[in-house]
PDB file of N, CA and C in Angstrom:
ATOM      1  N   MET A   1     118.476   3.899 -29.105  1.00  0.00           N
ATOM      2  CA  MET A   1     117.402   3.351 -28.311  1.00  0.00           C
ATOM      3  C   MET A   1     116.242   4.340 -28.325  1.00  0.00           C
ATOM      4  N   LYS A   2     115.053   3.833 -28.379  1.00  0.00           N
ATOM      5  CA  LYS A   2     113.862   4.684 -28.366  1.00  0.00           C
ATOM      6  C   LYS A   2     113.696   5.324 -26.988  1.00  0.00           C
ATOM      7  N   GLN A   3     113.317   6.584 -26.988  1.00  0.00           N
ATOM      8  CA  GLN A   3     113.116   7.310 -25.738  1.00  0.00           C
ATOM      9  C   GLN A   3     112.021   6.643 -24.900  1.00  0.00           C
ATOM     10  N   ARG A   4     110.956   6.210 -25.551  1.00  0.00           N
ATOM     11  CA  ARG A   4     109.838   5.596 -24.828  1.00  0.00           C
ATOM     12  C   ARG A   4     110.281   4.342 -24.074  1.00  0.00           C
ATOM     13  N   TYR A   5     111.156   3.543 -24.695  1.00  0.00           N
ATOM     14  CA  TYR A   5     111.649   2.321 -24.062  1.00  0.00           C
ATOM     15  C   TYR A   5     112.468   2.666 -22.814  1.00  0.00           C
ATOM     16  N   LEU A   6     113.342   3.656 -22.919  1.00  0.00           N
ATOM     17  CA  LEU A   6     114.169   4.073 -21.798  1.00  0.00           C
ATOM     18  C   LEU A   6     113.304   4.590 -20.651  1.00  0.00           C
ATOM     19  N   ILE A   7     112.302   5.382 -20.962  1.00  0.00           N
ATOM     20  CA  ILE A   7     111.414   5.927 -19.933  1.00  0.00           C
ATOM     21  C   ILE A   7     110.630   4.812 -19.251  1.00  0.00           C
ATOM     22  N   LYS A   8     110.154   3.846 -20.013  1.00  0.00           N
ATOM     23  CA  LYS A   8     109.418   2.720 -19.424  1.00  0.00           C
ATOM     24  C   LYS A   8     110.294   1.941 -18.455  1.00  0.00           C
ATOM     25  N   LYS A   9     111.575   1.760 -18.820  1.00  0.00           N
ATOM     26  CA  LYS A   9     112.502   1.058 -17.932  1.00  0.00           C
ATOM     27  C   LYS A   9     112.684   1.835 -16.629  1.00  0.00           C
ATOM     28  N   LEU A  10     112.865   3.154 -16.724  1.00  0.00           N
ATOM     29  CA  LEU A  10     113.045   3.973 -15.526  1.00  0.00           C
ATOM     30  C   LEU A  10     111.776   3.969 -14.668  1.00  0.00           C
ATOM     31  N   GLU A  11     110.609   4.062 -15.305  1.00  0.00           N
ATOM     32  CA  GLU A  11     109.354   4.058 -14.557  1.00  0.00           C
ATOM     33  C   GLU A  11     109.123   2.719 -13.868  1.00  0.00           C
ATOM     34  N   SER A  12     109.650   1.642 -14.448  1.00  0.00           N
ATOM     35  CA  SER A  12     109.460   0.323 -13.842  1.00  0.00           C
ATOM     36  C   SER A  12     110.196   0.187 -12.509  1.00  0.00           C
ATOM     37  N   ILE A  13     111.209   1.031 -12.273  1.00  0.00           N
ATOM     38  CA  ILE A  13     111.923   0.980 -10.994  1.00  0.00           C
ATOM     39  C   ILE A  13     111.566   2.170 -10.104  1.00  0.00           C
ATOM     40  N   GLY A  14     110.482   2.864 -10.421  1.00  0.00           N
ATOM     41  CA  GLY A  14     109.950   3.872  -9.518  1.00  0.00           C
ATOM     42  C   GLY A  14     110.156   5.321  -9.883  1.00  0.00           C
ATOM     43  N   PHE A  15     110.779   5.618 -11.024  1.00  0.00           N
ATOM     44  CA  PHE A  15     110.954   7.014 -11.418  1.00  0.00           C
ATOM     45  C   PHE A  15     109.631   7.583 -11.907  1.00  0.00           C
ATOM     46  N   LYS A  16     109.376   8.845 -11.571  1.00  0.00           N
ATOM     47  CA  LYS A  16     108.167   9.559 -11.997  1.00  0.00           C
ATOM     48  C   LYS A  16     108.576  10.828 -12.736  1.00  0.00           C
ATOM     49  N   PHE A  17     107.770  11.213 -13.706  1.00  0.00           N
ATOM     50  CA  PHE A  17     108.010  12.454 -14.449  1.00  0.00           C
ATOM     51  C   PHE A  17     107.858  13.631 -13.501  1.00  0.00           C
ATOM     52  N   GLU A  18     108.839  14.548 -13.519  1.00  0.00           N
ATOM     53  CA  GLU A  18     108.752  15.745 -12.671  1.00  0.00           C
ATOM     54  C   GLU A  18     108.433  16.987 -13.490  1.00  0.00           C
ATOM     55  N   ARG A  19     109.241  17.230 -14.546  1.00  0.00           N
ATOM     56  CA  ARG A  19     109.028  18.464 -15.315  1.00  0.00           C
ATOM     57  C   ARG A  19     109.748  18.383 -16.652  1.00  0.00           C
ATOM     58  N   HIS A  20     109.371  19.304 -17.550  1.00  0.00           N
ATOM     59  CA  HIS A  20     110.047  19.471 -18.831  1.00  0.00           C
ATOM     60  C   HIS A  20     111.143  20.512 -18.660  1.00  0.00           C
ATOM     61  N   GLY A  21     112.305  20.249 -19.226  1.00  0.00           N
ATOM     62  CA  GLY A  21     113.349  21.261 -19.319  1.00  0.00           C
ATOM     63  C   GLY A  21     113.255  21.877 -20.701  1.00  0.00           C
ATOM     64  N   SER A  22     114.265  22.596 -21.121  1.00  0.00           N
ATOM     65  CA  SER A  22     114.212  23.227 -22.435  1.00  0.00           C
ATOM     66  C   SER A  22     114.275  22.187 -23.554  1.00  0.00           C
ATOM     67  N   ASP A  23     115.170  21.213 -23.432  1.00  0.00           N
ATOM     68  CA  ASP A  23     115.239  20.154 -24.449  1.00  0.00           C
ATOM     69  C   ASP A  23     115.421  18.785 -23.805  1.00  0.00           C
ATOM     70  N   HIS A  24     114.938  18.652 -22.552  1.00  0.00           N
ATOM     71  CA  HIS A  24     115.032  17.384 -21.843  1.00  0.00           C
ATOM     72  C   HIS A  24     113.867  17.274 -20.858  1.00  0.00           C
ATOM     73  N   ASP A  25     113.659  16.071 -20.336  1.00  0.00           N
ATOM     74  CA  ASP A  25     112.660  15.827 -19.307  1.00  0.00           C
ATOM     75  C   ASP A  25     113.381  15.358 -18.054  1.00  0.00           C
ATOM     76  N   VAL A  26     112.826  15.688 -16.896  1.00  0.00           N
ATOM     77  CA  VAL A  26     113.434  15.312 -15.631  1.00  0.00           C
ATOM     78  C   VAL A  26     112.536  14.291 -14.946  1.00  0.00           C
ATOM     79  N   TYR A  27     113.140  13.173 -14.548  1.00  0.00           N
ATOM     80  CA  TYR A  27     112.450  12.109 -13.836  1.00  0.00           C
ATOM     81  C   TYR A  27     113.094  11.969 -12.462  1.00  0.00           C
ATOM     82  N   VAL A  28     112.271  11.754 -11.428  1.00  0.00           N
ATOM     83  CA  VAL A  28     112.790  11.661 -10.064  1.00  0.00           C
ATOM     84  C   VAL A  28     112.247  10.416  -9.366  1.00  0.00           C
ATOM     85  N   ARG A  29     113.034   9.970  -8.374  1.00  0.00           N
ATOM     86  CA  ARG A  29     112.636   8.872  -7.482  1.00  0.00           C
ATOM     87  C   ARG A  29     113.260   9.202  -6.142  1.00  0.00           C
ATOM     88  N   GLY A  30     112.459   9.773  -5.244  1.00  0.00           N
ATOM     89  CA  GLY A  30     113.012  10.228  -3.963  1.00  0.00           C
ATOM     90  C   GLY A  30     114.027  11.328  -4.212  1.00  0.00           C
ATOM     91  N   ASN A  31     115.271  11.101  -3.797  1.00  0.00           N
ATOM     92  CA  ASN A  31     116.337  12.084  -4.036  1.00  0.00           C
ATOM     93  C   ASN A  31     117.086  11.815  -5.328  1.00  0.00           C
ATOM     94  N   ASP A  32     116.789  10.696  -6.006  1.00  0.00           N
ATOM     95  CA  ASP A  32     117.441  10.366  -7.277  1.00  0.00           C
ATOM     96  C   ASP A  32     116.816  11.187  -8.396  1.00  0.00           C
ATOM     97  N   ARG A  33     117.639  11.626  -9.317  1.00  0.00           N
ATOM     98  CA  ARG A  33     117.168  12.441 -10.436  1.00  0.00           C
ATOM     99  C   ARG A  33     117.853  11.971 -11.704  1.00  0.00           C
ATOM    100  N   GLU A  34     117.096  11.844 -12.790  1.00  0.00           N
ATOM    101  CA  GLU A  34     117.669  11.472 -14.084  1.00  0.00           C
ATOM    102  C   GLU A  34     117.119  12.413 -15.144  1.00  0.00           C
ATOM    103  N   ILE A  35     118.009  12.904 -15.998  1.00  0.00           N
ATOM    104  CA  ILE A  35     117.632  13.822 -17.066  1.00  0.00           C
ATOM    105  C   ILE A  35     117.682  13.057 -18.380  1.00  0.00           C
ATOM    106  N   ILE A  36     116.561  13.054 -19.096  1.00  0.00           N
ATOM    107  CA  ILE A  36     116.441  12.316 -20.344  1.00  0.00           C
ATOM    108  C   ILE A  36     116.277  13.314 -21.491  1.00  0.00           C
ATOM    109  N   PRO A  37     117.126  13.221 -22.517  1.00  0.00           N
ATOM    110  CA  PRO A  37     116.965  14.112 -23.669  1.00  0.00           C
ATOM    111  C   PRO A  37     115.613  13.889 -24.348  1.00  0.00           C
ATOM    112  N   ARG A  38     115.026  14.936 -24.866  1.00  0.00           N
ATOM    113  CA  ARG A  38     113.731  14.812 -25.521  1.00  0.00           C
ATOM    114  C   ARG A  38     113.938  14.617 -27.026  1.00  0.00           C
ATOM    115  N   HIS A  39     114.362  13.405 -27.391  1.00  0.00           N
ATOM    116  CA  HIS A  39     114.539  12.994 -28.777  1.00  0.00           C
ATOM    117  C   HIS A  39     113.855  11.655 -28.938  1.00  0.00           C
ATOM    118  N   LYS A  40     113.350  11.360 -30.133  1.00  0.00           N
ATOM    119  CA  LYS A  40     112.733  10.049 -30.350  1.00  0.00           C
ATOM    120  C   LYS A  40     113.759   8.942 -30.220  1.00  0.00           C
ATOM    121  N   GLU A  41     114.962   9.176 -30.718  1.00  0.00           N
ATOM    122  CA  GLU A  41     116.073   8.218 -30.599  1.00  0.00           C
ATOM    123  C   GLU A  41     117.145   8.827 -29.707  1.00  0.00           C
ATOM    124  N   ILE A  42     117.568   8.062 -28.696  1.00  0.00           N
ATOM    125  CA  ILE A  42     118.613   8.510 -27.796  1.00  0.00           C
ATOM    126  C   ILE A  42     119.883   7.749 -28.139  1.00  0.00           C
ATOM    127  N   ASN A  43     121.011   8.451 -28.145  1.00  0.00           N
ATOM    128  CA  ASN A  43     122.291   7.851 -28.442  1.00  0.00           C
ATOM    129  C   ASN A  43     122.462   6.567 -27.633  1.00  0.00           C
ATOM    130  N   GLU A  44     122.883   5.489 -28.293  1.00  0.00           N
ATOM    131  CA  GLU A  44     122.972   4.170 -27.669  1.00  0.00           C
ATOM    132  C   GLU A  44     123.906   4.159 -26.457  1.00  0.00           C
ATOM    133  N   LYS A  45     125.052   4.844 -26.559  1.00  0.00           N
ATOM    134  CA  LYS A  45     125.990   4.879 -25.428  1.00  0.00           C
ATOM    135  C   LYS A  45     125.378   5.589 -24.221  1.00  0.00           C
ATOM    136  N   LEU A  46     124.687   6.688 -24.466  1.00  0.00           N
ATOM    137  CA  LEU A  46     124.056   7.427 -23.379  1.00  0.00           C
ATOM    138  C   LEU A  46     122.966   6.587 -22.726  1.00  0.00           C
ATOM    139  N   ALA A  47     122.134   5.946 -23.537  1.00  0.00           N
ATOM    140  CA  ALA A  47     121.045   5.126 -23.007  1.00  0.00           C
ATOM    141  C   ALA A  47     121.596   3.982 -22.152  1.00  0.00           C
ATOM    142  N   ARG A  48     122.639   3.309 -22.643  1.00  0.00           N
ATOM    143  CA  ARG A  48     123.242   2.212 -21.876  1.00  0.00           C
ATOM    144  C   ARG A  48     123.839   2.713 -20.568  1.00  0.00           C
ATOM    145  N   ALA A  49     124.459   3.887 -20.602  1.00  0.00           N
ATOM    146  CA  ALA A  49     125.056   4.455 -19.389  1.00  0.00           C
ATOM    147  C   ALA A  49     123.972   4.771 -18.351  1.00  0.00           C
ATOM    148  N   ILE A  50     122.840   5.306 -18.797  1.00  0.00           N
ATOM    149  CA  ILE A  50     121.744   5.615 -17.880  1.00  0.00           C
ATOM    150  C   ILE A  50     121.204   4.329 -17.266  1.00  0.00           C
ATOM    151  N   LEU A  51     120.976   3.307 -18.086  1.00  0.00           N
ATOM    152  CA  LEU A  51     120.457   2.036 -17.573  1.00  0.00           C
ATOM    153  C   LEU A  51     121.459   1.383 -16.617  1.00  0.00           C
ATOM    154  N   ARG A  52     122.721   1.427 -16.950  1.00  0.00           N
ATOM    155  CA  ARG A  52     123.752   0.822 -16.109  1.00  0.00           C
ATOM    156  C   ARG A  52     123.838   1.559 -14.762  1.00  0.00           C
ATOM    157  N   LYS A  53     123.677   2.883 -14.807  1.00  0.00           N
ATOM    158  CA  LYS A  53     123.729   3.691 -13.584  1.00  0.00           C
ATOM    159  C   LYS A  53     122.692   3.241 -12.563  1.00  0.00           C
ATOM    160  N   TRP A  54     121.517   2.819 -13.024  1.00  0.00           N
ATOM    161  CA  TRP A  54     120.442   2.406 -12.147  1.00  0.00           C
ATOM    162  C   TRP A  54     120.308   0.886 -12.047  1.00  0.00           C
ATOM    163  N   GLY A  55     121.268   0.154 -12.591  1.00  0.00           N
ATOM    164  CA  GLY A  55     121.284  -1.299 -12.439  1.00  0.00           C
ATOM    165  C   GLY A  55     120.272  -2.034 -13.294  1.00  0.00           C
ATOM    166  N   LEU A  56     119.988  -1.494 -14.465  1.00  0.00           N
ATOM    167  CA  LEU A  56     119.023  -2.152 -15.357  1.00  0.00           C
ATOM    168  C   LEU A  56     119.724  -2.826 -16.517  1.00  0.00           C
TER     169      LEU A  56
END
């Protein structure tokens, strides 16, 4: 899955970019936090797990 698509999905439910890590980005929504790898393509299983975690 494309990283941009995953980020757009997270932003659509209120996540905002917080900071860059060494090889990942951190997105937050209140007390919720999600760490997204900084790759153009994200492993399909990982992407599905992240979306499922937030009910998308």
